[in-house]
Amino acid sequence: MITNLDVTLRDGGYRNNFDFPLEYVLHHARESVAAGVEWVEIAYRNGSFKPQPGVGPTGTGTDDYIRALAGVVPPERICMILHPKNITTEDLPRMYEAGARLVRFCLAAGAPEPGLEMLREAARIGFTTTVNITRVSQLDRRVLVELSALSADAGSDVIYLADSNGSLLPDEVFRLVTLVRSVSDCAIGLHAHNNLGLALANAIAAVEAGATWIDSSILGMGKGPGNLITEQWLAYLGRGGQAGYDLGRILSLAHHMETEIAEAKPSLPLPDLVLGHFDLSVEDRGKLPADHIGNTFSAARELTAVTAA
């Protein structure tokens, strides 16, 4: 059986400066849980990879914000994500006391130990834990194996492969999940982005290879062109026989979000398709000209050649 994790409020925050109205946040969490979604990721703790001032509540994840969510859904459904460099050891017990029960660590490939040490502490406190290995498409396979083994040894419950660039193909996803399963007894998860329109196909491939945790977002709302679309994914699972999800309720939530949150409308900006094609990150977008898509494509090809040299 698949464990589904909703990332709308966090990953979708890249489109609206993490500034979801609290009334909408509470409605989103209530409806997601009522529809059967196992976990709702409600915020970053203390900012994303590059914290910026002025972001809304799903970009900071304060104690009061967590408590507000824990007042409308069970703590056993509340997830937070963080970059270890943004927090101190005081944050973890405070998050738990406020009502979060799942914490996800974005692991720095070049210096994983600080994150792994915090993971050990989170497990001691009582959190369910995941390690999110980001930009896995660009990661040397030997490094992926090492990070996976270290995460398992540190006690992570789940190892997530994050296709941050939205560039992976289904057969690549299958091989990566198989590789990580060969070196770890942890559950495996996939966080898919949709630059090439392959998030659904990649999620299917991940599950076929043995992954059991899948991220998705309502309307696919997320960084760049967004994530695996929850409505499509749950419809697929239902067709495949996995019961327990109220698709009608999720569709109603999608309609409500599209009405209330202007930035939620599905979008595939052409530059993001280019980034996915060349396996470039969203941070590389600023290096590309924006005057004409043909120029963007040519510059991305040159940037890829320089990076590979």
C-alpha atoms as a PDB file:
ATOM      1  CA  MET A   1       0.000   0.000   0.000  1.00  0.00           C
ATOM      2  CA  ILE A   2       1.116   3.530  -0.801  1.00  0.00           C
ATOM      3  CA  THR A   3       1.598   6.273   1.792  1.00  0.00           C
ATOM      4  CA  ASN A   4       0.638   9.592   0.235  1.00  0.00           C
ATOM      5  CA  LEU A   5       2.078  12.893   1.358  1.00  0.00           C
ATOM      6  CA  ASP A   6       0.561  16.214   0.273  1.00  0.00           C
ATOM      7  CA  VAL A   7       3.179  18.915  -0.418  1.00  0.00           C
ATOM      8  CA  THR A   8       0.884  21.673  -1.723  1.00  0.00           C
ATOM      9  CA  LEU A   9       1.276  24.124   1.141  1.00  0.00           C
ATOM     10  CA  ARG A  10       5.072  23.893   1.130  1.00  0.00           C
ATOM     11  CA  ASP A  11       6.158  23.260  -2.480  1.00  0.00           C
ATOM     12  CA  GLY A  12       3.248  25.312  -3.789  1.00  0.00           C
ATOM     13  CA  GLY A  13       4.604  28.163  -1.709  1.00  0.00           C
ATOM     14  CA  TYR A  14       7.295  28.781  -4.314  1.00  0.00           C
ATOM     15  CA  ARG A  15       4.538  30.228  -6.501  1.00  0.00           C
ATOM     16  CA  ASN A  16       2.968  32.608  -3.976  1.00  0.00           C
ATOM     17  CA  ASN A  17       5.870  33.456  -1.646  1.00  0.00           C
ATOM     18  CA  PHE A  18       4.546  30.844   0.821  1.00  0.00           C
ATOM     19  CA  ASP A  19       1.706  33.225   1.582  1.00  0.00           C
ATOM     20  CA  PHE A  20      -1.396  31.052   1.832  1.00  0.00           C
ATOM     21  CA  PRO A  21      -4.149  32.632   3.969  1.00  0.00           C
ATOM     22  CA  LEU A  22      -4.500  30.741   7.240  1.00  0.00           C
ATOM     23  CA  GLU A  23      -8.186  30.132   6.569  1.00  0.00           C
ATOM     24  CA  TYR A  24      -7.278  28.359   3.353  1.00  0.00           C
ATOM     25  CA  VAL A  25      -4.451  26.407   5.027  1.00  0.00           C
ATOM     26  CA  LEU A  26      -6.809  25.036   7.666  1.00  0.00           C
ATOM     27  CA  HIS A  27      -9.397  24.120   5.035  1.00  0.00           C
ATOM     28  CA  HIS A  28      -6.758  22.426   2.884  1.00  0.00           C
ATOM     29  CA  ALA A  29      -5.450  20.337   5.745  1.00  0.00           C
ATOM     30  CA  ARG A  30      -8.931  19.326   6.950  1.00  0.00           C
ATOM     31  CA  GLU A  31     -10.088  18.291   3.494  1.00  0.00           C
ATOM     32  CA  SER A  32      -6.886  16.434   2.609  1.00  0.00           C
ATOM     33  CA  VAL A  33      -7.036  14.395   5.798  1.00  0.00           C
ATOM     34  CA  ALA A  34     -10.775  13.805   5.450  1.00  0.00           C
ATOM     35  CA  ALA A  35     -10.106  12.479   1.922  1.00  0.00           C
ATOM     36  CA  GLY A  36      -7.687   9.921   3.349  1.00  0.00           C
ATOM     37  CA  VAL A  37      -4.295  11.478   2.540  1.00  0.00           C
ATOM     38  CA  GLU A  38      -1.910  10.118   5.156  1.00  0.00           C
ATOM     39  CA  TRP A  39       0.341  13.152   5.698  1.00  0.00           C
ATOM     40  CA  VAL A  40       0.087  16.887   4.986  1.00  0.00           C
ATOM     41  CA  GLU A  41       3.365  18.775   4.747  1.00  0.00           C
ATOM     42  CA  ILE A  42       2.424  22.159   6.171  1.00  0.00           C
ATOM     43  CA  ALA A  43       5.618  24.241   5.923  1.00  0.00           C
ATOM     44  CA  TYR A  44       9.344  24.678   5.859  1.00  0.00           C
ATOM     45  CA  ARG A  45      10.848  25.275   9.288  1.00  0.00           C
ATOM     46  CA  ASN A  46      12.763  28.575   9.241  1.00  0.00           C
ATOM     47  CA  GLY A  47      12.905  28.936   5.473  1.00  0.00           C
ATOM     48  CA  SER A  48      13.870  27.089   2.317  1.00  0.00           C
ATOM     49  CA  PHE A  49      17.396  26.439   1.077  1.00  0.00           C
ATOM     50  CA  LYS A  50      17.992  30.184   0.754  1.00  0.00           C
ATOM     51  CA  PRO A  51      15.777  31.786   3.422  1.00  0.00           C
ATOM     52  CA  GLN A  52      14.315  35.123   2.409  1.00  0.00           C
ATOM     53  CA  PRO A  53      12.588  37.771   4.530  1.00  0.00           C
ATOM     54  CA  GLY A  54       8.941  38.497   4.011  1.00  0.00           C
ATOM     55  CA  VAL A  55       7.731  34.997   3.187  1.00  0.00           C
ATOM     56  CA  GLY A  56       4.373  33.787   4.403  1.00  0.00           C
ATOM     57  CA  PRO A  57       3.603  31.205   7.092  1.00  0.00           C
ATOM     58  CA  THR A  58       4.236  28.082   4.999  1.00  0.00           C
ATOM     59  CA  GLY A  59       7.804  29.290   4.535  1.00  0.00           C
ATOM     60  CA  THR A  60       8.583  29.665   8.236  1.00  0.00           C
ATOM     61  CA  GLY A  61       6.505  27.057  10.076  1.00  0.00           C
ATOM     62  CA  THR A  62       6.335  28.756  13.461  1.00  0.00           C
ATOM     63  CA  ASP A  63       5.160  26.990  16.618  1.00  0.00           C
ATOM     64  CA  ASP A  64       1.879  28.936  16.616  1.00  0.00           C
ATOM     65  CA  TYR A  65       1.256  27.978  13.001  1.00  0.00           C
ATOM     66  CA  ILE A  66       1.820  24.283  13.783  1.00  0.00           C
ATOM     67  CA  ARG A  67      -0.537  24.534  16.759  1.00  0.00           C
ATOM     68  CA  ALA A  68      -3.226  26.068  14.565  1.00  0.00           C
ATOM     69  CA  LEU A  69      -3.010  23.081  12.214  1.00  0.00           C
ATOM     70  CA  ALA A  70      -2.925  20.600  15.091  1.00  0.00           C
ATOM     71  CA  GLY A  71      -6.195  22.129  16.250  1.00  0.00           C
ATOM     72  CA  VAL A  72      -8.017  20.959  13.115  1.00  0.00           C
ATOM     73  CA  VAL A  73      -6.242  17.717  12.104  1.00  0.00           C
ATOM     74  CA  PRO A  74      -4.542  15.016  14.210  1.00  0.00           C
ATOM     75  CA  PRO A  75      -0.821  15.579  14.858  1.00  0.00           C
ATOM     76  CA  GLU A  76      -0.233  12.127  13.333  1.00  0.00           C
ATOM     77  CA  ARG A  77      -1.020  13.712   9.960  1.00  0.00           C
ATOM     78  CA  ILE A  78       1.213  16.804  10.276  1.00  0.00           C
ATOM     79  CA  CYS A  79       4.580  16.946   8.505  1.00  0.00           C
ATOM     80  CA  MET A  80       7.320  19.576   8.471  1.00  0.00           C
ATOM     81  CA  ILE A  81      10.357  19.801   6.198  1.00  0.00           C
ATOM     82  CA  LEU A  82      13.635  21.558   6.888  1.00  0.00           C
ATOM     83  CA  HIS A  83      17.184  22.234   5.848  1.00  0.00           C
ATOM     84  CA  PRO A  84      19.405  21.341   8.828  1.00  0.00           C
ATOM     85  CA  LYS A  85      21.479  24.504   8.368  1.00  0.00           C
ATOM     86  CA  ASN A  86      18.381  26.587   9.172  1.00  0.00           C
ATOM     87  CA  ILE A  87      17.558  25.120  12.572  1.00  0.00           C
ATOM     88  CA  THR A  88      19.033  24.446  15.992  1.00  0.00           C
ATOM     89  CA  THR A  89      18.442  21.483  18.267  1.00  0.00           C
ATOM     90  CA  GLU A  90      15.828  23.575  20.087  1.00  0.00           C
ATOM     91  CA  ASP A  91      13.575  23.552  17.036  1.00  0.00           C
ATOM     92  CA  LEU A  92      12.907  19.814  17.037  1.00  0.00           C
ATOM     93  CA  PRO A  93      11.342  19.478  20.522  1.00  0.00           C
ATOM     94  CA  ARG A  94       9.385  22.690  19.976  1.00  0.00           C
ATOM     95  CA  MET A  95       7.973  21.380  16.690  1.00  0.00           C
ATOM     96  CA  TYR A  96       6.968  18.114  18.354  1.00  0.00           C
ATOM     97  CA  GLU A  97       5.341  19.889  21.292  1.00  0.00           C
ATOM     98  CA  ALA A  98       3.431  22.139  18.887  1.00  0.00           C
ATOM     99  CA  GLY A  99       1.952  19.152  17.092  1.00  0.00           C
ATOM    100  CA  ALA A 100       4.164  17.943  14.197  1.00  0.00           C
ATOM    101  CA  ARG A 101       4.900  14.219  14.025  1.00  0.00           C
ATOM    102  CA  LEU A 102       6.770  13.733  10.744  1.00  0.00           C
ATOM    103  CA  VAL A 103       9.936  15.671   9.967  1.00  0.00           C
ATOM    104  CA  ARG A 104      11.794  15.587   6.659  1.00  0.00           C
ATOM    105  CA  PHE A 105      15.487  16.473   6.392  1.00  0.00           C
ATOM    106  CA  CYS A 106      16.888  17.802   3.114  1.00  0.00           C
ATOM    107  CA  LEU A 107      20.315  16.204   3.256  1.00  0.00           C
ATOM    108  CA  ALA A 108      23.366  18.079   1.968  1.00  0.00           C
ATOM    109  CA  ALA A 109      25.261  15.586  -0.193  1.00  0.00           C
ATOM    110  CA  GLY A 110      28.634  17.179   0.497  1.00  0.00           C
ATOM    111  CA  ALA A 111      28.220  17.421   4.267  1.00  0.00           C
ATOM    112  CA  PRO A 112      25.485  15.072   5.465  1.00  0.00           C
ATOM    113  CA  GLU A 113      26.559  14.501   9.064  1.00  0.00           C
ATOM    114  CA  PRO A 114      24.915  17.579  10.665  1.00  0.00           C
ATOM    115  CA  GLY A 115      21.609  16.549   9.113  1.00  0.00           C
ATOM    116  CA  LEU A 116      22.062  12.926  10.135  1.00  0.00           C
ATOM    117  CA  GLU A 117      22.806  13.946  13.712  1.00  0.00           C
ATOM    118  CA  MET A 118      19.598  15.999  13.817  1.00  0.00           C
ATOM    119  CA  LEU A 119      17.738  13.044  12.320  1.00  0.00           C
ATOM    120  CA  ARG A 120      18.956  10.829  15.164  1.00  0.00           C
ATOM    121  CA  GLU A 121      17.688  13.401  17.650  1.00  0.00           C
ATOM    122  CA  ALA A 122      14.323  13.645  15.879  1.00  0.00           C
ATOM    123  CA  ALA A 123      13.920   9.871  16.050  1.00  0.00           C
ATOM    124  CA  ARG A 124      14.796   9.948  19.760  1.00  0.00           C
ATOM    125  CA  ILE A 125      12.098  12.574  20.356  1.00  0.00           C
ATOM    126  CA  GLY A 126       9.522  10.389  18.630  1.00  0.00           C
ATOM    127  CA  PHE A 127       9.191  11.806  15.116  1.00  0.00           C
ATOM    128  CA  THR A 128       8.679   9.668  12.055  1.00  0.00           C
ATOM    129  CA  THR A 129      11.645  10.716   9.901  1.00  0.00           C
ATOM    130  CA  THR A 130      12.554  10.946   6.250  1.00  0.00           C
ATOM    131  CA  VAL A 131      15.715  11.958   4.452  1.00  0.00           C
ATOM    132  CA  ASN A 132      15.108  13.814   1.201  1.00  0.00           C
ATOM    133  CA  ILE A 133      17.990  13.394  -1.238  1.00  0.00           C
ATOM    134  CA  THR A 134      17.546  16.355  -3.558  1.00  0.00           C
ATOM    135  CA  ARG A 135      18.524  16.756  -7.203  1.00  0.00           C
ATOM    136  CA  VAL A 136      19.014  13.035  -7.404  1.00  0.00           C
ATOM    137  CA  SER A 137      19.257  13.215 -11.210  1.00  0.00           C
ATOM    138  CA  GLN A 138      22.602  15.024 -10.878  1.00  0.00           C
ATOM    139  CA  LEU A 139      23.985  12.886  -8.072  1.00  0.00           C
ATOM    140  CA  ASP A 140      26.805  10.403  -8.637  1.00  0.00           C
ATOM    141  CA  ARG A 141      25.411   6.923  -7.993  1.00  0.00           C
ATOM    142  CA  ARG A 142      28.207   6.099  -5.539  1.00  0.00           C
ATOM    143  CA  VAL A 143      27.264   9.182  -3.521  1.00  0.00           C
ATOM    144  CA  LEU A 144      23.606   8.149  -3.616  1.00  0.00           C
ATOM    145  CA  VAL A 145      24.503   4.713  -2.265  1.00  0.00           C
ATOM    146  CA  GLU A 146      26.614   6.253   0.499  1.00  0.00           C
ATOM    147  CA  LEU A 147      23.921   8.747   1.516  1.00  0.00           C
ATOM    148  CA  SER A 148      21.295   6.013   1.528  1.00  0.00           C
ATOM    149  CA  ALA A 149      23.397   3.729   3.717  1.00  0.00           C
ATOM    150  CA  LEU A 150      24.237   6.570   6.117  1.00  0.00           C
ATOM    151  CA  SER A 151      20.559   7.559   6.340  1.00  0.00           C
ATOM    152  CA  ALA A 152      19.541   3.992   7.114  1.00  0.00           C
ATOM    153  CA  ASP A 153      22.227   3.703   9.794  1.00  0.00           C
ATOM    154  CA  ALA A 154      21.022   6.978  11.344  1.00  0.00           C
ATOM    155  CA  GLY A 155      17.528   5.516  11.693  1.00  0.00           C
ATOM    156  CA  SER A 156      15.585   7.219   8.906  1.00  0.00           C
ATOM    157  CA  ASP A 157      12.187   5.635   8.334  1.00  0.00           C
ATOM    158  CA  VAL A 158      12.020   6.709   4.689  1.00  0.00           C
ATOM    159  CA  ILE A 159      14.578   7.674   2.037  1.00  0.00           C
ATOM    160  CA  TYR A 160      13.093  10.023  -0.520  1.00  0.00           C
ATOM    161  CA  LEU A 161      14.495  10.469  -4.011  1.00  0.00           C
ATOM    162  CA  ALA A 162      13.711  14.012  -5.116  1.00  0.00           C
ATOM    163  CA  ASP A 163      13.644  14.654  -8.860  1.00  0.00           C
ATOM    164  CA  SER A 164      14.145  18.347  -8.159  1.00  0.00           C
ATOM    165  CA  ASN A 165      14.927  19.158 -11.802  1.00  0.00           C
ATOM    166  CA  GLY A 166      11.996  17.189 -13.183  1.00  0.00           C
ATOM    167  CA  SER A 167      14.326  15.543 -15.677  1.00  0.00           C
ATOM    168  CA  LEU A 168      14.197  11.829 -14.812  1.00  0.00           C
ATOM    169  CA  LEU A 169      12.661   9.251 -17.136  1.00  0.00           C
ATOM    170  CA  PRO A 170      10.606   6.306 -15.821  1.00  0.00           C
ATOM    171  CA  ASP A 171      13.321   3.718 -16.464  1.00  0.00           C
ATOM    172  CA  GLU A 172      15.831   5.900 -14.613  1.00  0.00           C
ATOM    173  CA  VAL A 173      13.459   6.203 -11.653  1.00  0.00           C
ATOM    174  CA  PHE A 174      13.016   2.427 -11.616  1.00  0.00           C
ATOM    175  CA  ARG A 175      16.789   1.888 -11.544  1.00  0.00           C
ATOM    176  CA  LEU A 176      17.366   4.477  -8.797  1.00  0.00           C
ATOM    177  CA  VAL A 177      14.682   3.027  -6.533  1.00  0.00           C
ATOM    178  CA  THR A 178      16.057  -0.464  -7.133  1.00  0.00           C
ATOM    179  CA  LEU A 179      19.572   0.739  -6.307  1.00  0.00           C
ATOM    180  CA  VAL A 180      18.553   2.356  -3.021  1.00  0.00           C
ATOM    181  CA  ARG A 181      16.506  -0.683  -2.022  1.00  0.00           C
ATOM    182  CA  SER A 182      19.607  -2.819  -2.519  1.00  0.00           C
ATOM    183  CA  VAL A 183      21.549  -0.939   0.163  1.00  0.00           C
ATOM    184  CA  SER A 184      18.786  -0.019   2.625  1.00  0.00           C
ATOM    185  CA  ASP A 185      15.825  -1.577   4.394  1.00  0.00           C
ATOM    186  CA  CYS A 186      14.168   1.834   4.686  1.00  0.00           C
ATOM    187  CA  ALA A 187      10.938   2.586   2.888  1.00  0.00           C
ATOM    188  CA  ILE A 188      11.614   4.463  -0.373  1.00  0.00           C
ATOM    189  CA  GLY A 189       9.755   7.578  -1.508  1.00  0.00           C
ATOM    190  CA  LEU A 190       9.608   9.687  -4.658  1.00  0.00           C
ATOM    191  CA  HIS A 191       9.209  13.455  -4.887  1.00  0.00           C
ATOM    192  CA  ALA A 192       8.533  14.131  -8.562  1.00  0.00           C
ATOM    193  CA  HIS A 193       8.547  17.412 -10.465  1.00  0.00           C
ATOM    194  CA  ASN A 194       6.732  17.698 -13.757  1.00  0.00           C
ATOM    195  CA  ASN A 195       9.024  19.633 -16.104  1.00  0.00           C
ATOM    196  CA  LEU A 196       8.728  16.958 -18.805  1.00  0.00           C
ATOM    197  CA  GLY A 197       5.164  15.939 -17.966  1.00  0.00           C
ATOM    198  CA  LEU A 198       6.440  12.618 -16.574  1.00  0.00           C
ATOM    199  CA  ALA A 199       5.601  12.950 -12.873  1.00  0.00           C
ATOM    200  CA  LEU A 200       2.736  10.439 -13.088  1.00  0.00           C
ATOM    201  CA  ALA A 201       4.735   7.966 -15.187  1.00  0.00           C
ATOM    202  CA  ASN A 202       7.687   8.321 -12.818  1.00  0.00           C
ATOM    203  CA  ALA A 203       5.512   7.709  -9.756  1.00  0.00           C
ATOM    204  CA  ILE A 204       4.147   4.551 -11.379  1.00  0.00           C
ATOM    205  CA  ALA A 205       7.694   3.389 -12.175  1.00  0.00           C
ATOM    206  CA  ALA A 206       8.818   4.104  -8.608  1.00  0.00           C
ATOM    207  CA  VAL A 207       6.009   2.011  -7.149  1.00  0.00           C
ATOM    208  CA  GLU A 208       6.714  -0.812  -9.604  1.00  0.00           C
ATOM    209  CA  ALA A 209      10.324  -0.796  -8.338  1.00  0.00           C
ATOM    210  CA  GLY A 210       9.195  -0.977  -4.711  1.00  0.00           C
ATOM    211  CA  ALA A 211       8.697   2.629  -3.544  1.00  0.00           C
ATOM    212  CA  THR A 212       5.858   2.999  -1.054  1.00  0.00           C
ATOM    213  CA  TRP A 213       5.829   6.741  -0.254  1.00  0.00           C
ATOM    214  CA  ILE A 214       4.745   9.259  -2.899  1.00  0.00           C
ATOM    215  CA  ASP A 215       4.552  13.073  -2.772  1.00  0.00           C
ATOM    216  CA  SER A 216       1.929  14.992  -4.716  1.00  0.00           C
ATOM    217  CA  SER A 217       0.181  18.353  -4.679  1.00  0.00           C
ATOM    218  CA  ILE A 218      -3.302  19.583  -5.494  1.00  0.00           C
ATOM    219  CA  LEU A 219      -3.391  20.855  -9.106  1.00  0.00           C
ATOM    220  CA  GLY A 220       0.303  19.975  -9.142  1.00  0.00           C
ATOM    221  CA  MET A 221       1.035  23.332  -7.471  1.00  0.00           C
ATOM    222  CA  GLY A 222       4.775  23.509  -6.785  1.00  0.00           C
ATOM    223  CA  LYS A 223       8.096  25.000  -7.769  1.00  0.00           C
ATOM    224  CA  GLY A 224       8.438  25.621 -11.504  1.00  0.00           C
ATOM    225  CA  PRO A 225       5.858  23.559 -13.414  1.00  0.00           C
ATOM    226  CA  GLY A 226       4.914  21.788 -10.215  1.00  0.00           C
ATOM    227  CA  ASN A 227       4.664  18.277  -8.835  1.00  0.00           C
ATOM    228  CA  LEU A 228       2.795  15.054  -9.359  1.00  0.00           C
ATOM    229  CA  ILE A 229      -0.909  16.027  -9.482  1.00  0.00           C
ATOM    230  CA  THR A 230      -2.758  14.575  -6.501  1.00  0.00           C
ATOM    231  CA  GLU A 231      -6.064  14.285  -8.361  1.00  0.00           C
ATOM    232  CA  GLN A 232      -4.511  12.256 -11.175  1.00  0.00           C
ATOM    233  CA  TRP A 233      -2.478  10.096  -8.822  1.00  0.00           C
ATOM    234  CA  LEU A 234      -5.376   9.173  -6.561  1.00  0.00           C
ATOM    235  CA  ALA A 235      -7.552   8.493  -9.602  1.00  0.00           C
ATOM    236  CA  TYR A 236      -4.848   6.138 -10.874  1.00  0.00           C
ATOM    237  CA  LEU A 237      -4.553   4.399  -7.507  1.00  0.00           C
ATOM    238  CA  GLY A 238      -8.314   3.982  -7.372  1.00  0.00           C
ATOM    239  CA  ARG A 239      -8.356   2.404 -10.811  1.00  0.00           C
ATOM    240  CA  GLY A 240      -5.628   0.066  -9.605  1.00  0.00           C
ATOM    241  CA  GLY A 241      -7.627  -1.044  -6.604  1.00  0.00           C
ATOM    242  CA  GLN A 242      -6.110   0.963  -3.726  1.00  0.00           C
ATOM    243  CA  ALA A 243      -9.192   2.063  -1.825  1.00  0.00           C
ATOM    244  CA  GLY A 244      -9.461   4.494   1.060  1.00  0.00           C
ATOM    245  CA  TYR A 245      -9.262   7.844  -0.744  1.00  0.00           C
ATOM    246  CA  ASP A 246     -12.210  10.138  -1.435  1.00  0.00           C
ATOM    247  CA  LEU A 247     -11.396  11.387  -4.935  1.00  0.00           C
ATOM    248  CA  GLY A 248     -14.561  13.464  -5.078  1.00  0.00           C
ATOM    249  CA  ARG A 249     -13.481  15.364  -1.982  1.00  0.00           C
ATOM    250  CA  ILE A 250     -10.011  15.928  -3.454  1.00  0.00           C
ATOM    251  CA  LEU A 251     -11.549  17.237  -6.694  1.00  0.00           C
ATOM    252  CA  SER A 252     -13.699  19.639  -4.681  1.00  0.00           C
ATOM    253  CA  LEU A 253     -10.569  20.823  -2.852  1.00  0.00           C
ATOM    254  CA  ALA A 254      -8.804  21.343  -6.194  1.00  0.00           C
ATOM    255  CA  HIS A 255     -11.711  23.441  -7.450  1.00  0.00           C
ATOM    256  CA  HIS A 256     -11.736  25.464  -4.220  1.00  0.00           C
ATOM    257  CA  MET A 257      -7.990  26.084  -4.389  1.00  0.00           C
ATOM    258  CA  GLU A 258      -8.143  27.155  -8.019  1.00  0.00           C
ATOM    259  CA  THR A 259     -10.839  29.649  -7.029  1.00  0.00           C
ATOM    260  CA  GLU A 260      -9.128  30.979  -3.902  1.00  0.00           C
ATOM    261  CA  ILE A 261      -5.399  30.873  -4.793  1.00  0.00           C
ATOM    262  CA  ALA A 262      -4.605  32.633  -8.065  1.00  0.00           C
ATOM    263  CA  GLU A 263      -1.123  31.132  -8.319  1.00  0.00           C
ATOM    264  CA  ALA A 264      -2.491  27.587  -8.105  1.00  0.00           C
ATOM    265  CA  LYS A 265      -3.660  27.414 -11.710  1.00  0.00           C
ATOM    266  CA  PRO A 266      -1.694  24.712 -13.608  1.00  0.00           C
ATOM    267  CA  SER A 267       1.178  26.096 -15.644  1.00  0.00           C
ATOM    268  CA  LEU A 268       4.127  24.823 -17.670  1.00  0.00           C
ATOM    269  CA  PRO A 269       6.394  27.794 -18.383  1.00  0.00           C
ATOM    270  CA  LEU A 270       8.497  26.974 -21.436  1.00  0.00           C
ATOM    271  CA  PRO A 271      11.802  27.804 -19.674  1.00  0.00           C
ATOM    272  CA  ASP A 272      11.016  25.137 -17.068  1.00  0.00           C
ATOM    273  CA  LEU A 273      10.564  22.565 -19.819  1.00  0.00           C
ATOM    274  CA  VAL A 274      14.006  23.578 -21.087  1.00  0.00           C
ATOM    275  CA  LEU A 275      15.474  23.127 -17.588  1.00  0.00           C
ATOM    276  CA  GLY A 276      13.996  19.646 -17.365  1.00  0.00           C
ATOM    277  CA  HIS A 277      15.284  18.704 -20.806  1.00  0.00           C
ATOM    278  CA  PHE A 278      18.854  19.650 -19.909  1.00  0.00           C
ATOM    279  CA  ASP A 279      18.669  18.489 -16.257  1.00  0.00           C
ATOM    280  CA  LEU A 280      19.291  22.002 -14.956  1.00  0.00           C
ATOM    281  CA  SER A 281      18.023  23.289 -11.629  1.00  0.00           C
ATOM    282  CA  VAL A 282      15.574  26.125 -11.133  1.00  0.00           C
ATOM    283  CA  GLU A 283      18.498  28.172  -9.803  1.00  0.00           C
ATOM    284  CA  ASP A 284      20.061  27.936 -13.284  1.00  0.00           C
ATOM    285  CA  ARG A 285      17.085  29.751 -14.767  1.00  0.00           C
ATOM    286  CA  GLY A 286      18.605  33.088 -13.788  1.00  0.00           C
ATOM    287  CA  LYS A 287      21.614  32.315 -16.000  1.00  0.00           C
ATOM    288  CA  LEU A 288      19.448  32.022 -19.105  1.00  0.00           C
ATOM    289  CA  PRO A 289      18.138  34.884 -21.294  1.00  0.00           C
ATOM    290  CA  ALA A 290      14.430  35.536 -21.018  1.00  0.00           C
ATOM    291  CA  ASP A 291      13.911  37.502 -24.228  1.00  0.00           C
ATOM    292  CA  HIS A 292      13.125  34.536 -26.517  1.00  0.00           C
ATOM    293  CA  ILE A 293      12.591  30.839 -25.887  1.00  0.00           C
ATOM    294  CA  GLY A 294      14.968  29.937 -28.728  1.00  0.00           C
ATOM    295  CA  ASN A 295      17.723  31.928 -27.051  1.00  0.00           C
ATOM    296  CA  THR A 296      16.882  30.272 -23.735  1.00  0.00           C
ATOM    297  CA  PHE A 297      17.212  26.835 -25.312  1.00  0.00           C
ATOM    298  CA  SER A 298      20.562  27.653 -26.954  1.00  0.00           C
ATOM    299  CA  ALA A 299      21.969  29.145 -23.754  1.00  0.00           C
ATOM    300  CA  ALA A 300      20.838  26.117 -21.721  1.00  0.00           C
ATOM    301  CA  ARG A 301      22.566  23.782 -24.161  1.00  0.00           C
ATOM    302  CA  GLU A 302      25.784  25.794 -23.838  1.00  0.00           C
ATOM    303  CA  LEU A 303      25.496  25.854 -20.039  1.00  0.00           C
ATOM    304  CA  THR A 304      25.075  22.081 -19.965  1.00  0.00           C
ATOM    305  CA  ALA A 305      28.160  21.635 -22.132  1.00  0.00           C
ATOM    306  CA  VAL A 306      30.206  23.864 -19.825  1.00  0.00           C
ATOM    307  CA  THR A 307      28.978  22.006 -16.727  1.00  0.00           C
ATOM    308  CA  ALA A 308      29.822  18.640 -18.243  1.00  0.00           C
ATOM    309  CA  ALA A 309      33.306  19.691 -19.372  1.00  0.00           C
END
